[in-house]
Protein backbone atom coordinates (compact mmCIF):
# COMPACT_ATOMS: atom_id res chain seq x y z
CA MET A 1 25.83 10.39 40.99
CA ASN A 2 25.15 13.96 42.04
CA ALA A 3 25.89 15.19 38.49
CA ILE A 4 23.37 12.70 37.08
CA ASN A 5 20.70 13.72 39.55
CA THR A 6 21.11 17.41 38.70
CA THR A 7 20.69 16.87 34.94
CA TYR A 8 17.49 16.45 32.96
CA ALA A 9 17.57 12.73 33.71
CA GLY A 10 17.40 13.38 37.44
CA ILE A 11 14.46 15.71 37.00
CA TRP A 12 12.62 13.30 34.72
CA ARG A 13 13.06 10.36 37.10
CA ALA A 14 10.98 12.24 39.67
CA ILE A 15 7.99 12.77 37.33
CA PRO A 16 4.87 11.07 38.67
CA SER A 17 3.09 8.49 36.57
CA PRO A 18 0.02 9.56 34.55
CA GLY A 19 -2.81 10.88 36.67
CA PRO A 20 -0.73 12.83 39.25
CA GLU A 21 -3.81 14.79 40.34
CA LEU A 22 -5.17 11.62 41.94
CA ARG A 23 -2.11 11.46 44.19
CA LEU A 24 -2.00 15.13 45.11
CA GLY A 25 -5.50 15.80 46.40
CA SER A 26 -8.87 16.80 45.08
CA PRO A 27 -8.91 16.76 41.26
CA ASP A 28 -11.18 19.84 41.39
CA ASP A 29 -8.53 22.01 43.04
CA LEU A 30 -7.04 24.47 40.51
CA LEU A 31 -3.53 24.17 41.97
CA VAL A 32 -3.66 20.38 41.75
CA GLN A 33 -4.77 20.64 38.11
CA GLU A 34 -1.89 23.01 37.33
CA VAL A 35 0.67 20.69 38.96
CA ALA A 36 -0.79 17.78 36.98
CA ARG A 37 -0.56 19.81 33.75
CA GLN A 38 3.08 20.64 34.43
CA ALA A 39 3.83 16.97 35.19
CA ARG A 40 2.30 15.99 31.83
CA LEU A 41 4.45 18.62 30.09
CA LEU A 42 7.51 17.15 31.80
CA GLN A 43 6.53 13.68 30.61
CA ALA A 44 6.15 14.97 27.04
CA SER A 45 9.49 16.74 27.40
CA ARG A 46 11.17 13.51 28.49
CA VAL A 47 9.76 11.64 25.48
CA GLY A 48 10.84 14.47 23.16
CA TYR A 49 14.35 14.43 24.60
CA ARG A 50 14.70 10.66 24.26
CA LYS A 51 13.20 10.26 20.80
CA ARG A 52 13.97 13.35 18.74
CA ASP A 53 17.52 12.22 17.88
CA SER A 54 16.14 8.91 16.59
CA LEU A 55 14.59 10.78 13.66
CA TYR A 56 17.94 11.88 12.20
CA GLU A 57 19.82 10.01 9.50
CA ALA A 58 23.15 10.32 7.76
CA PHE A 59 22.83 10.97 4.04
CA ILE A 60 24.76 11.89 0.91
CA PRO A 61 23.76 15.41 -0.22
CA ASP A 62 23.14 16.17 -3.89
CA GLY A 63 23.69 19.94 -3.68
CA THR A 64 20.06 20.99 -3.07
CA PRO A 65 18.85 22.00 0.40
CA LEU A 66 18.44 18.72 2.33
CA GLY A 67 18.25 16.85 -0.97
CA GLY A 68 20.20 13.70 -1.50
CA ARG A 69 19.98 10.02 -0.84
CA SER A 70 19.95 8.03 2.33
CA LEU A 71 22.88 5.73 2.99
CA PRO A 72 22.27 2.08 2.22
CA PRO A 73 21.66 -0.13 5.27
CA ILE A 74 24.57 -2.02 6.76
CA ARG A 75 24.26 -5.68 5.95
CA GLY A 76 23.43 -7.86 8.94
CA LEU A 77 21.82 -5.08 10.97
CA SER A 78 18.17 -4.15 11.33
CA PRO A 79 17.16 -0.94 9.51
CA GLU A 80 17.02 1.02 12.81
CA ALA A 81 20.36 -0.31 14.06
CA SER A 82 21.89 0.37 10.64
CA ARG A 83 20.60 3.96 10.66
CA ARG A 84 22.05 4.54 14.15
CA ALA A 85 25.38 2.97 13.19
CA ASN A 86 25.62 5.12 10.05
CA ARG A 87 25.02 8.23 12.15
CA LEU A 88 27.45 7.28 14.93
CA LEU A 89 30.21 6.18 12.53
CA GLY A 90 30.00 9.45 10.62
CA ARG A 91 29.20 7.80 7.31
CA GLY A 92 27.77 10.08 4.64
CA ASN A 93 28.40 13.78 4.23
CA GLY A 94 25.40 15.24 6.02
CA MET A 95 22.71 14.77 8.63
CA ARG A 96 18.98 15.43 8.27
CA VAL A 97 15.61 14.49 9.67
CA ARG A 98 14.41 11.39 7.84
CA PRO A 99 12.08 12.23 4.95
CA GLY A 100 8.41 12.10 5.91
CA ARG A 101 9.14 12.50 9.64
CA ASP A 102 9.20 16.33 9.74
CA GLU A 103 5.85 16.68 11.51
CA GLU A 104 6.77 14.11 14.16
CA PHE A 105 10.15 15.80 14.65
CA GLY A 106 8.46 19.19 15.05
CA GLN A 107 6.12 17.81 17.71
CA LEU A 108 8.98 16.15 19.62
CA GLN A 109 10.96 19.39 19.39
CA ALA A 110 7.99 21.39 20.74
CA ASP A 111 7.44 18.85 23.52
CA TYR A 112 11.12 18.94 24.48
CA PHE A 113 10.98 22.68 25.03
CA ALA A 114 7.47 22.67 26.55
CA VAL A 115 8.75 23.15 30.08
């Protein structure tokens, strides 16, 4: 339990809900505003940490940089569950950020390292 509490997860569990400045004192105080800003960065960091891996997919490369085709979905699974299963089972010959999700991935990456 101590190991869990000293990791990122332990830090993120202690993040106040949105609007921490209302709990800390006068919203006009510059120190309260800075603490609130840091808490929001931690919240963004937590979201980035949890979601950035969900944008990866396993694929079959065609020899060009990040070119190739996505693996077909596994029958009987939802598209998201199929994508996760393909990644976890090591199907395909490569891993990439899903096409069209580069901007979202970049934002999650920036948020993850915001703190």
